[in-house]
Amino acid sequence: MQADVLTKVILPLSLFLIMFGIGISLRLSDFKNIFRFPKAVIVGLMGQLILLPLIAFVLALVFKLPAELAVGLIIISLAPGGATSNMFTYLYKGDVSLSVSLTLLTSLVTPFTIPLLASLSMLYFMESNTEFELPVVKTIVQLLVITVIPIALGMFALSSFPIAAKKIENVLKWFSIFFLFLIIALIIMKNSANMASFFAQAGAATVVLNLVVLTLGYQLAHWAKLDGKQSTAIGFEIGIQNGTLALVVAGTLIGNNTMMIPAVTYSIIMFFTGALFGWLINKKNNIEQTEAC
């Protein structure tokens, strides 16, 4: 895949705006919500920050992915949540407050976890035989600039200019989804001759990863005896990834375009599997409510 103005300028700028959009929807009360349902938050964070990367690592080995694709699969697993998971949770009647709280926490944590775990995955799969590297400290600073700072700016805008901020929020809410599709479309157009090969290489692994983590996330919450809305939120938070963040890490910070392939295939797939998952969960909940009556 070709590196150009898309990976060097458009991707980081779009991620900055997307994270600003997340921030402009957050209030300080959302921090308090974290303490309202600590068990649900702990289950969600364990699923996102521990279970998800472990499953990606196992699948990379099971599918015997080439080194760069294996690292790319790990990177997409390290970029959970985002505005898209909040949208899915809202559309399919999950606990939006929990979803937003988990997005807030992971957005603050992932600038530190992504550089460390991505670097470890590069050492494992690629060893020292590579021209690409990911300096941990430098990457942490870069991710803080394009993720945490815009969230803080968004929260400041909401508290200072609430009326204008709500109008901007409605635009940015859909902007994040539109821009992800636009970026993917541009990548596909520039690499149209190779897209079939990309899907052949990484498609199966990303489909299995997505289906497994959506289902396992929901079941993990169910086993923890959380209610249906919380389980739905956690399922989406674990299964719907921040594709733009993964693309920035792989294509912009590392500068390896092959590593972007799993993020592209996952980002396309998750909209279809997410919609199917939400429909099945709603159907299940409706059946249970009918039987209860």
C-alpha atoms as a PDB file:
ATOM      1  CA  MET A   1       0.000   0.000   0.000  1.00  0.00           C
ATOM      2  CA  GLN A   2       1.264   3.454  -0.867  1.00  0.00           C
ATOM      3  CA  ALA A   3       2.250   6.064   1.703  1.00  0.00           C
ATOM      4  CA  ASP A   4       1.455   9.669   0.758  1.00  0.00           C
ATOM      5  CA  VAL A   5      -0.436  12.735   1.916  1.00  0.00           C
ATOM      6  CA  LEU A   6      -3.244  10.409   3.060  1.00  0.00           C
ATOM      7  CA  THR A   7      -1.139   8.750   5.768  1.00  0.00           C
ATOM      8  CA  LYS A   8       1.013  11.764   6.564  1.00  0.00           C
ATOM      9  CA  VAL A   9      -1.602  14.533   6.736  1.00  0.00           C
ATOM     10  CA  ILE A  10      -5.225  13.443   6.237  1.00  0.00           C
ATOM     11  CA  LEU A  11      -5.195  10.507   8.665  1.00  0.00           C
ATOM     12  CA  PRO A  12      -3.674  12.358  11.658  1.00  0.00           C
ATOM     13  CA  LEU A  13      -5.898  15.395  11.042  1.00  0.00           C
ATOM     14  CA  SER A  14      -9.050  13.280  10.768  1.00  0.00           C
ATOM     15  CA  LEU A  15      -8.153  11.389  13.967  1.00  0.00           C
ATOM     16  CA  PHE A  16      -7.635  14.713  15.760  1.00  0.00           C
ATOM     17  CA  LEU A  17     -11.116  15.867  14.676  1.00  0.00           C
ATOM     18  CA  ILE A  18     -12.702  12.523  15.583  1.00  0.00           C
ATOM     19  CA  MET A  19     -11.193  12.621  19.086  1.00  0.00           C
ATOM     20  CA  PHE A  20     -12.320  16.259  19.421  1.00  0.00           C
ATOM     21  CA  GLY A  21     -15.805  15.018  18.530  1.00  0.00           C
ATOM     22  CA  ILE A  22     -15.601  12.452  21.330  1.00  0.00           C
ATOM     23  CA  GLY A  23     -14.465  15.143  23.761  1.00  0.00           C
ATOM     24  CA  ILE A  24     -17.237  17.538  22.807  1.00  0.00           C
ATOM     25  CA  SER A  25     -19.784  14.891  23.833  1.00  0.00           C
ATOM     26  CA  LEU A  26     -18.220  14.372  27.280  1.00  0.00           C
ATOM     27  CA  ARG A  27     -18.917  16.099  30.563  1.00  0.00           C
ATOM     28  CA  LEU A  28     -17.072  15.853  33.858  1.00  0.00           C
ATOM     29  CA  SER A  29     -20.057  13.821  35.100  1.00  0.00           C
ATOM     30  CA  ASP A  30     -18.957  11.043  32.737  1.00  0.00           C
ATOM     31  CA  PHE A  31     -15.955  10.519  35.009  1.00  0.00           C
ATOM     32  CA  LYS A  32     -18.386  10.022  37.898  1.00  0.00           C
ATOM     33  CA  ASN A  33     -20.269   7.424  35.869  1.00  0.00           C
ATOM     34  CA  ILE A  34     -17.157   5.250  35.965  1.00  0.00           C
ATOM     35  CA  PHE A  35     -17.674   4.810  39.698  1.00  0.00           C
ATOM     36  CA  ARG A  36     -21.411   4.144  39.344  1.00  0.00           C
ATOM     37  CA  PHE A  37     -20.842   0.746  37.725  1.00  0.00           C
ATOM     38  CA  PRO A  38     -17.264  -0.325  38.600  1.00  0.00           C
ATOM     39  CA  LYS A  39     -17.816  -4.008  37.791  1.00  0.00           C
ATOM     40  CA  ALA A  40     -19.043  -3.225  34.289  1.00  0.00           C
ATOM     41  CA  VAL A  41     -16.117  -0.859  33.697  1.00  0.00           C
ATOM     42  CA  ILE A  42     -13.580  -3.437  34.922  1.00  0.00           C
ATOM     43  CA  VAL A  43     -15.097  -6.168  32.730  1.00  0.00           C
ATOM     44  CA  GLY A  44     -15.085  -3.833  29.718  1.00  0.00           C
ATOM     45  CA  LEU A  45     -11.483  -2.723  30.249  1.00  0.00           C
ATOM     46  CA  MET A  46     -10.249  -6.293  30.776  1.00  0.00           C
ATOM     47  CA  GLY A  47     -11.951  -7.325  27.550  1.00  0.00           C
ATOM     48  CA  GLN A  48     -10.577  -4.405  25.575  1.00  0.00           C
ATOM     49  CA  LEU A  49      -7.051  -4.102  26.916  1.00  0.00           C
ATOM     50  CA  ILE A  50      -6.197  -7.746  27.707  1.00  0.00           C
ATOM     51  CA  LEU A  51      -8.548 -10.251  26.082  1.00  0.00           C
ATOM     52  CA  LEU A  52      -8.772  -8.561  22.673  1.00  0.00           C
ATOM     53  CA  PRO A  53      -4.984  -8.332  22.011  1.00  0.00           C
ATOM     54  CA  LEU A  54      -4.488 -11.903  23.289  1.00  0.00           C
ATOM     55  CA  ILE A  55      -7.094 -13.245  20.864  1.00  0.00           C
ATOM     56  CA  ALA A  56      -5.512 -11.264  18.022  1.00  0.00           C
ATOM     57  CA  PHE A  57      -2.100 -12.716  18.906  1.00  0.00           C
ATOM     58  CA  VAL A  58      -3.457 -16.276  18.922  1.00  0.00           C
ATOM     59  CA  LEU A  59      -5.251 -15.772  15.597  1.00  0.00           C
ATOM     60  CA  ALA A  60      -2.104 -14.327  14.008  1.00  0.00           C
ATOM     61  CA  LEU A  61      -0.352 -17.574  14.939  1.00  0.00           C
ATOM     62  CA  VAL A  62      -3.257 -19.837  13.951  1.00  0.00           C
ATOM     63  CA  PHE A  63      -3.626 -18.211  10.514  1.00  0.00           C
ATOM     64  CA  LYS A  64       0.172 -18.089  10.114  1.00  0.00           C
ATOM     65  CA  LEU A  65       0.019 -14.493   8.960  1.00  0.00           C
ATOM     66  CA  PRO A  66       3.134 -12.907   7.444  1.00  0.00           C
ATOM     67  CA  ALA A  67       4.993 -10.843  10.045  1.00  0.00           C
ATOM     68  CA  GLU A  68       3.767  -7.403   8.941  1.00  0.00           C
ATOM     69  CA  LEU A  69       0.128  -8.533   8.726  1.00  0.00           C
ATOM     70  CA  ALA A  70       0.416 -10.177  12.142  1.00  0.00           C
ATOM     71  CA  VAL A  71       1.617  -6.901  13.642  1.00  0.00           C
ATOM     72  CA  GLY A  72      -1.191  -5.079  11.804  1.00  0.00           C
ATOM     73  CA  LEU A  73      -3.743  -7.441  13.349  1.00  0.00           C
ATOM     74  CA  ILE A  74      -2.310  -6.711  16.801  1.00  0.00           C
ATOM     75  CA  ILE A  75      -2.473  -2.961  16.126  1.00  0.00           C
ATOM     76  CA  ILE A  76      -6.183  -3.006  15.210  1.00  0.00           C
ATOM     77  CA  SER A  77      -6.837  -5.000  18.390  1.00  0.00           C
ATOM     78  CA  LEU A  78      -5.057  -2.304  20.417  1.00  0.00           C
ATOM     79  CA  ALA A  79      -7.357   0.482  19.163  1.00  0.00           C
ATOM     80  CA  PRO A  80     -10.715  -0.284  20.799  1.00  0.00           C
ATOM     81  CA  GLY A  81     -13.827   1.837  21.131  1.00  0.00           C
ATOM     82  CA  GLY A  82     -14.396   5.274  19.680  1.00  0.00           C
ATOM     83  CA  ALA A  83     -17.411   7.186  18.438  1.00  0.00           C
ATOM     84  CA  THR A  84     -18.520   4.276  16.245  1.00  0.00           C
ATOM     85  CA  SER A  85     -18.941   1.901  19.189  1.00  0.00           C
ATOM     86  CA  ASN A  86     -20.970   4.577  20.988  1.00  0.00           C
ATOM     87  CA  MET A  87     -23.198   4.910  17.907  1.00  0.00           C
ATOM     88  CA  PHE A  88     -23.782   1.156  17.658  1.00  0.00           C
ATOM     89  CA  THR A  89     -24.576   0.997  21.382  1.00  0.00           C
ATOM     90  CA  TYR A  90     -27.133   3.784  20.983  1.00  0.00           C
ATOM     91  CA  LEU A  91     -28.757   2.292  17.869  1.00  0.00           C
ATOM     92  CA  TYR A  92     -29.143  -1.147  19.446  1.00  0.00           C
ATOM     93  CA  LYS A  93     -30.371   0.040  22.862  1.00  0.00           C
ATOM     94  CA  GLY A  94     -27.270  -0.669  24.909  1.00  0.00           C
ATOM     95  CA  ASP A  95     -26.020   1.289  27.920  1.00  0.00           C
ATOM     96  CA  VAL A  96     -24.738   4.458  26.213  1.00  0.00           C
ATOM     97  CA  SER A  97     -23.411   5.925  29.465  1.00  0.00           C
ATOM     98  CA  LEU A  98     -21.241   2.840  30.037  1.00  0.00           C
ATOM     99  CA  SER A  99     -20.107   2.890  26.400  1.00  0.00           C
ATOM    100  CA  VAL A 100     -19.056   6.545  26.640  1.00  0.00           C
ATOM    101  CA  SER A 101     -17.252   5.916  29.946  1.00  0.00           C
ATOM    102  CA  LEU A 102     -15.301   3.005  28.437  1.00  0.00           C
ATOM    103  CA  THR A 103     -14.446   5.078  25.360  1.00  0.00           C
ATOM    104  CA  LEU A 104     -13.207   7.853  27.640  1.00  0.00           C
ATOM    105  CA  LEU A 105     -11.006   5.515  29.680  1.00  0.00           C
ATOM    106  CA  THR A 106      -9.531   3.640  26.718  1.00  0.00           C
ATOM    107  CA  SER A 107      -8.845   6.924  24.917  1.00  0.00           C
ATOM    108  CA  LEU A 108      -6.761   8.004  27.920  1.00  0.00           C
ATOM    109  CA  VAL A 109      -5.000   4.637  28.282  1.00  0.00           C
ATOM    110  CA  THR A 110      -4.272   3.553  24.693  1.00  0.00           C
ATOM    111  CA  PRO A 111      -1.669   6.268  23.970  1.00  0.00           C
ATOM    112  CA  PHE A 112       0.469   4.384  26.504  1.00  0.00           C
ATOM    113  CA  THR A 113      -0.529   0.774  25.756  1.00  0.00           C
ATOM    114  CA  ILE A 114      -0.396   0.913  21.934  1.00  0.00           C
ATOM    115  CA  PRO A 115       3.293   1.923  21.608  1.00  0.00           C
ATOM    116  CA  LEU A 116       4.415  -0.640  24.179  1.00  0.00           C
ATOM    117  CA  LEU A 117       2.412  -3.617  22.909  1.00  0.00           C
ATOM    118  CA  ALA A 118       2.882  -2.759  19.223  1.00  0.00           C
ATOM    119  CA  SER A 119       6.646  -2.591  19.788  1.00  0.00           C
ATOM    120  CA  LEU A 120       6.597  -5.971  21.553  1.00  0.00           C
ATOM    121  CA  SER A 121       4.590  -7.503  18.696  1.00  0.00           C
ATOM    122  CA  MET A 122       7.107  -6.146  16.170  1.00  0.00           C
ATOM    123  CA  LEU A 123       9.949  -7.681  18.161  1.00  0.00           C
ATOM    124  CA  TYR A 124       8.142 -11.026  18.322  1.00  0.00           C
ATOM    125  CA  PHE A 125       6.952 -11.327  14.736  1.00  0.00           C
ATOM    126  CA  MET A 126       9.610  -9.330  12.899  1.00  0.00           C
ATOM    127  CA  GLU A 127      12.532  -9.732  15.318  1.00  0.00           C
ATOM    128  CA  SER A 128      15.343  -7.318  14.495  1.00  0.00           C
ATOM    129  CA  ASN A 129      15.155  -7.922  10.757  1.00  0.00           C
ATOM    130  CA  THR A 130      13.189  -4.793   9.859  1.00  0.00           C
ATOM    131  CA  GLU A 131      13.756  -1.201   8.817  1.00  0.00           C
ATOM    132  CA  PHE A 132      10.625  -0.129  10.683  1.00  0.00           C
ATOM    133  CA  GLU A 133      10.514   0.808  14.347  1.00  0.00           C
ATOM    134  CA  LEU A 134       8.170   2.405  16.843  1.00  0.00           C
ATOM    135  CA  PRO A 135       9.997   4.522  19.452  1.00  0.00           C
ATOM    136  CA  VAL A 136       7.853   4.085  22.549  1.00  0.00           C
ATOM    137  CA  VAL A 137       8.302   7.478  24.231  1.00  0.00           C
ATOM    138  CA  LYS A 138       8.068   9.473  20.996  1.00  0.00           C
ATOM    139  CA  THR A 139       4.949   7.552  19.947  1.00  0.00           C
ATOM    140  CA  ILE A 140       3.295   8.096  23.334  1.00  0.00           C
ATOM    141  CA  VAL A 141       3.809  11.854  22.928  1.00  0.00           C
ATOM    142  CA  GLN A 142       2.469  11.793  19.358  1.00  0.00           C
ATOM    143  CA  LEU A 143      -0.625   9.822  20.353  1.00  0.00           C
ATOM    144  CA  LEU A 144      -1.280  12.117  23.305  1.00  0.00           C
ATOM    145  CA  VAL A 145      -1.189  15.097  20.928  1.00  0.00           C
ATOM    146  CA  ILE A 146      -3.696  13.606  18.460  1.00  0.00           C
ATOM    147  CA  THR A 147      -5.980  11.795  20.926  1.00  0.00           C
ATOM    148  CA  VAL A 148      -5.988  13.081  24.524  1.00  0.00           C
ATOM    149  CA  ILE A 149      -5.416  16.775  23.762  1.00  0.00           C
ATOM    150  CA  PRO A 150      -8.351  17.020  21.305  1.00  0.00           C
ATOM    151  CA  ILE A 151     -10.576  15.216  23.849  1.00  0.00           C
ATOM    152  CA  ALA A 152      -9.601  17.824  26.456  1.00  0.00           C
ATOM    153  CA  LEU A 153     -10.231  20.630  23.959  1.00  0.00           C
ATOM    154  CA  GLY A 154     -13.624  19.154  23.115  1.00  0.00           C
ATOM    155  CA  MET A 155     -14.618  18.955  26.783  1.00  0.00           C
ATOM    156  CA  PHE A 156     -13.492  22.552  27.265  1.00  0.00           C
ATOM    157  CA  ALA A 157     -15.567  23.654  24.260  1.00  0.00           C
ATOM    158  CA  LEU A 158     -18.658  21.922  25.655  1.00  0.00           C
ATOM    159  CA  SER A 159     -18.284  23.528  29.088  1.00  0.00           C
ATOM    160  CA  SER A 160     -17.547  26.997  27.658  1.00  0.00           C
ATOM    161  CA  PHE A 161     -19.874  27.108  24.635  1.00  0.00           C
ATOM    162  CA  PRO A 162     -22.562  24.459  25.268  1.00  0.00           C
ATOM    163  CA  ILE A 163     -25.047  25.527  22.572  1.00  0.00           C
ATOM    164  CA  ALA A 164     -22.470  25.748  19.784  1.00  0.00           C
ATOM    165  CA  ALA A 165     -20.774  22.587  21.029  1.00  0.00           C
ATOM    166  CA  LYS A 166     -23.978  20.530  20.782  1.00  0.00           C
ATOM    167  CA  LYS A 167     -24.435  21.630  17.172  1.00  0.00           C
ATOM    168  CA  ILE A 168     -20.833  20.727  16.355  1.00  0.00           C
ATOM    169  CA  GLU A 169     -21.226  17.379  18.149  1.00  0.00           C
ATOM    170  CA  ASN A 170     -24.084  16.347  15.853  1.00  0.00           C
ATOM    171  CA  VAL A 171     -21.889  17.030  12.824  1.00  0.00           C
ATOM    172  CA  LEU A 172     -18.755  15.350  14.186  1.00  0.00           C
ATOM    173  CA  LYS A 173     -20.717  12.290  15.331  1.00  0.00           C
ATOM    174  CA  TRP A 174     -21.381  11.371  11.709  1.00  0.00           C
ATOM    175  CA  PHE A 175     -18.131  12.855  10.460  1.00  0.00           C
ATOM    176  CA  SER A 176     -16.127  10.127  12.214  1.00  0.00           C
ATOM    177  CA  ILE A 177     -18.023   7.383  10.390  1.00  0.00           C
ATOM    178  CA  PHE A 178     -18.074   9.211   7.059  1.00  0.00           C
ATOM    179  CA  PHE A 179     -14.373  10.002   7.211  1.00  0.00           C
ATOM    180  CA  LEU A 180     -13.426   6.430   8.088  1.00  0.00           C
ATOM    181  CA  PHE A 181     -15.342   5.235   5.025  1.00  0.00           C
ATOM    182  CA  LEU A 182     -13.767   7.997   2.921  1.00  0.00           C
ATOM    183  CA  ILE A 183     -10.257   7.057   4.040  1.00  0.00           C
ATOM    184  CA  ILE A 184     -10.911   3.378   3.348  1.00  0.00           C
ATOM    185  CA  ALA A 185     -12.366   4.279  -0.065  1.00  0.00           C
ATOM    186  CA  LEU A 186      -9.260   6.317  -0.920  1.00  0.00           C
ATOM    187  CA  ILE A 187      -6.976   3.477   0.175  1.00  0.00           C
ATOM    188  CA  ILE A 188      -8.990   1.001  -1.906  1.00  0.00           C
ATOM    189  CA  MET A 189      -8.912   3.295  -4.959  1.00  0.00           C
ATOM    190  CA  LYS A 190      -5.162   3.786  -4.738  1.00  0.00           C
ATOM    191  CA  ASN A 191      -4.581   0.054  -4.306  1.00  0.00           C
ATOM    192  CA  SER A 192      -7.468  -1.353  -6.358  1.00  0.00           C
ATOM    193  CA  ALA A 193      -5.228  -3.821  -8.199  1.00  0.00           C
ATOM    194  CA  ASN A 194      -4.153  -5.402  -4.913  1.00  0.00           C
ATOM    195  CA  MET A 195      -7.316  -5.263  -2.779  1.00  0.00           C
ATOM    196  CA  ALA A 196      -8.362  -8.830  -3.609  1.00  0.00           C
ATOM    197  CA  SER A 197      -4.931  -9.970  -2.485  1.00  0.00           C
ATOM    198  CA  PHE A 198      -5.177  -7.892   0.720  1.00  0.00           C
ATOM    199  CA  PHE A 199      -8.514  -9.476   1.633  1.00  0.00           C
ATOM    200  CA  ALA A 200      -7.164 -12.912   0.786  1.00  0.00           C
ATOM    201  CA  GLN A 201      -4.235 -12.332   3.124  1.00  0.00           C
ATOM    202  CA  ALA A 202      -5.969 -10.694   6.083  1.00  0.00           C
ATOM    203  CA  GLY A 203      -9.719 -11.023   5.504  1.00  0.00           C
ATOM    204  CA  ALA A 204     -10.285 -14.374   7.197  1.00  0.00           C
ATOM    205  CA  ALA A 205      -8.267 -13.448  10.287  1.00  0.00           C
ATOM    206  CA  THR A 206     -10.052 -10.112  10.729  1.00  0.00           C
ATOM    207  CA  VAL A 207     -13.506 -11.658  10.222  1.00  0.00           C
ATOM    208  CA  VAL A 208     -12.809 -14.327  12.835  1.00  0.00           C
ATOM    209  CA  LEU A 209     -11.298 -11.778  15.233  1.00  0.00           C
ATOM    210  CA  ASN A 210     -14.304  -9.487  14.887  1.00  0.00           C
ATOM    211  CA  LEU A 211     -16.910 -12.221  15.326  1.00  0.00           C
ATOM    212  CA  VAL A 212     -15.080 -13.795  18.269  1.00  0.00           C
ATOM    213  CA  VAL A 213     -14.591 -10.573  20.221  1.00  0.00           C
ATOM    214  CA  LEU A 214     -18.128  -9.288  19.588  1.00  0.00           C
ATOM    215  CA  THR A 215     -19.579 -12.546  20.893  1.00  0.00           C
ATOM    216  CA  LEU A 216     -17.057 -13.054  23.674  1.00  0.00           C
ATOM    217  CA  GLY A 217     -17.396  -9.462  24.859  1.00  0.00           C
ATOM    218  CA  TYR A 218     -21.144  -9.869  25.231  1.00  0.00           C
ATOM    219  CA  GLN A 219     -20.766 -13.263  26.908  1.00  0.00           C
ATOM    220  CA  LEU A 220     -18.069 -11.994  29.256  1.00  0.00           C
ATOM    221  CA  ALA A 221     -20.457  -9.329  30.519  1.00  0.00           C
ATOM    222  CA  HIS A 222     -23.273 -11.893  30.746  1.00  0.00           C
ATOM    223  CA  TRP A 223     -21.093 -14.262  32.792  1.00  0.00           C
ATOM    224  CA  ALA A 224     -20.293 -11.332  35.101  1.00  0.00           C
ATOM    225  CA  LYS A 225     -24.072 -11.042  35.645  1.00  0.00           C
ATOM    226  CA  LEU A 226     -24.334  -7.606  34.069  1.00  0.00           C
ATOM    227  CA  ASP A 227     -27.673  -6.625  32.599  1.00  0.00           C
ATOM    228  CA  GLY A 228     -28.564  -6.829  28.912  1.00  0.00           C
ATOM    229  CA  LYS A 229     -27.870  -3.170  28.137  1.00  0.00           C
ATOM    230  CA  GLN A 230     -24.455  -3.275  29.773  1.00  0.00           C
ATOM    231  CA  SER A 231     -23.627  -6.542  27.991  1.00  0.00           C
ATOM    232  CA  THR A 232     -24.596  -4.985  24.652  1.00  0.00           C
ATOM    233  CA  ALA A 233     -22.412  -1.939  25.326  1.00  0.00           C
ATOM    234  CA  ILE A 234     -19.406  -4.070  26.288  1.00  0.00           C
ATOM    235  CA  GLY A 235     -19.885  -6.306  23.243  1.00  0.00           C
ATOM    236  CA  PHE A 236     -19.738  -3.282  20.951  1.00  0.00           C
ATOM    237  CA  GLU A 237     -16.883  -1.622  22.839  1.00  0.00           C
ATOM    238  CA  ILE A 238     -14.752  -4.754  22.452  1.00  0.00           C
ATOM    239  CA  GLY A 239     -15.839  -5.635  18.915  1.00  0.00           C
ATOM    240  CA  ILE A 240     -16.015  -2.215  17.205  1.00  0.00           C
ATOM    241  CA  GLN A 241     -12.525  -0.791  16.809  1.00  0.00           C
ATOM    242  CA  ASN A 242     -11.156   2.703  16.231  1.00  0.00           C
ATOM    243  CA  GLY A 243     -10.014   1.967  12.678  1.00  0.00           C
ATOM    244  CA  THR A 244      -8.701   5.493  12.087  1.00  0.00           C
ATOM    245  CA  LEU A 245      -6.395   5.240  15.114  1.00  0.00           C
ATOM    246  CA  ALA A 246      -5.062   1.868  13.919  1.00  0.00           C
ATOM    247  CA  LEU A 247      -4.434   3.304  10.442  1.00  0.00           C
ATOM    248  CA  VAL A 248      -2.549   6.251  11.941  1.00  0.00           C
ATOM    249  CA  VAL A 249      -0.335   3.971  14.048  1.00  0.00           C
ATOM    250  CA  ALA A 250       0.456   1.584  11.186  1.00  0.00           C
ATOM    251  CA  GLY A 251       0.637   3.994   8.257  1.00  0.00           C
ATOM    252  CA  THR A 252       1.755   7.272   9.842  1.00  0.00           C
ATOM    253  CA  LEU A 253       3.714   6.504  13.018  1.00  0.00           C
ATOM    254  CA  ILE A 254       5.330   3.238  11.906  1.00  0.00           C
ATOM    255  CA  GLY A 255       5.201   4.018   8.188  1.00  0.00           C
ATOM    256  CA  ASN A 256       4.505   0.448   7.104  1.00  0.00           C
ATOM    257  CA  ASN A 257       1.579   0.337   4.707  1.00  0.00           C
ATOM    258  CA  THR A 258       1.267  -3.455   4.751  1.00  0.00           C
ATOM    259  CA  MET A 259       0.419  -3.201   8.452  1.00  0.00           C
ATOM    260  CA  MET A 260      -2.574  -1.056   7.458  1.00  0.00           C
ATOM    261  CA  ILE A 261      -4.254  -3.953   5.657  1.00  0.00           C
ATOM    262  CA  PRO A 262      -5.862  -5.599   8.742  1.00  0.00           C
ATOM    263  CA  ALA A 263      -7.182  -2.192   9.861  1.00  0.00           C
ATOM    264  CA  VAL A 264      -8.758  -1.658   6.425  1.00  0.00           C
ATOM    265  CA  THR A 265     -10.384  -5.098   6.241  1.00  0.00           C
ATOM    266  CA  TYR A 266     -11.523  -4.984   9.892  1.00  0.00           C
ATOM    267  CA  SER A 267     -12.992  -1.489   9.501  1.00  0.00           C
ATOM    268  CA  ILE A 268     -15.058  -2.592   6.507  1.00  0.00           C
ATOM    269  CA  ILE A 269     -16.196  -5.860   8.062  1.00  0.00           C
ATOM    270  CA  MET A 270     -17.154  -4.492  11.494  1.00  0.00           C
ATOM    271  CA  PHE A 271     -20.025  -2.356  10.165  1.00  0.00           C
ATOM    272  CA  PHE A 272     -21.765  -5.419   8.735  1.00  0.00           C
ATOM    273  CA  THR A 273     -21.009  -7.784  11.619  1.00  0.00           C
ATOM    274  CA  GLY A 274     -21.843  -5.053  14.139  1.00  0.00           C
ATOM    275  CA  ALA A 275     -25.253  -4.515  12.548  1.00  0.00           C
ATOM    276  CA  LEU A 276     -25.906  -8.276  12.514  1.00  0.00           C
ATOM    277  CA  PHE A 277     -24.765  -8.602  16.131  1.00  0.00           C
ATOM    278  CA  GLY A 278     -27.035  -5.752  17.236  1.00  0.00           C
ATOM    279  CA  TRP A 279     -30.012  -7.222  15.388  1.00  0.00           C
ATOM    280  CA  LEU A 280     -29.474 -10.641  16.992  1.00  0.00           C
ATOM    281  CA  ILE A 281     -29.089  -9.138  20.472  1.00  0.00           C
ATOM    282  CA  ASN A 282     -32.258  -7.057  20.077  1.00  0.00           C
ATOM    283  CA  LYS A 283     -34.137 -10.113  18.824  1.00  0.00           C
ATOM    284  CA  LYS A 284     -32.899 -12.135  21.812  1.00  0.00           C
ATOM    285  CA  ASN A 285     -33.897  -9.385  24.259  1.00  0.00           C
ATOM    286  CA  ASN A 286     -37.356  -9.068  22.680  1.00  0.00           C
ATOM    287  CA  ILE A 287     -37.938 -12.823  22.985  1.00  0.00           C
ATOM    288  CA  GLU A 288     -36.873 -12.764  26.643  1.00  0.00           C
ATOM    289  CA  GLN A 289     -39.181  -9.818  27.383  1.00  0.00           C
ATOM    290  CA  THR A 290     -42.095 -11.590  25.677  1.00  0.00           C
ATOM    291  CA  GLU A 291     -41.503 -14.768  27.675  1.00  0.00           C
ATOM    292  CA  ALA A 292     -41.264 -12.748  30.887  1.00  0.00           C
ATOM    293  CA  CYS A 293     -44.702 -11.263  30.203  1.00  0.00           C
END
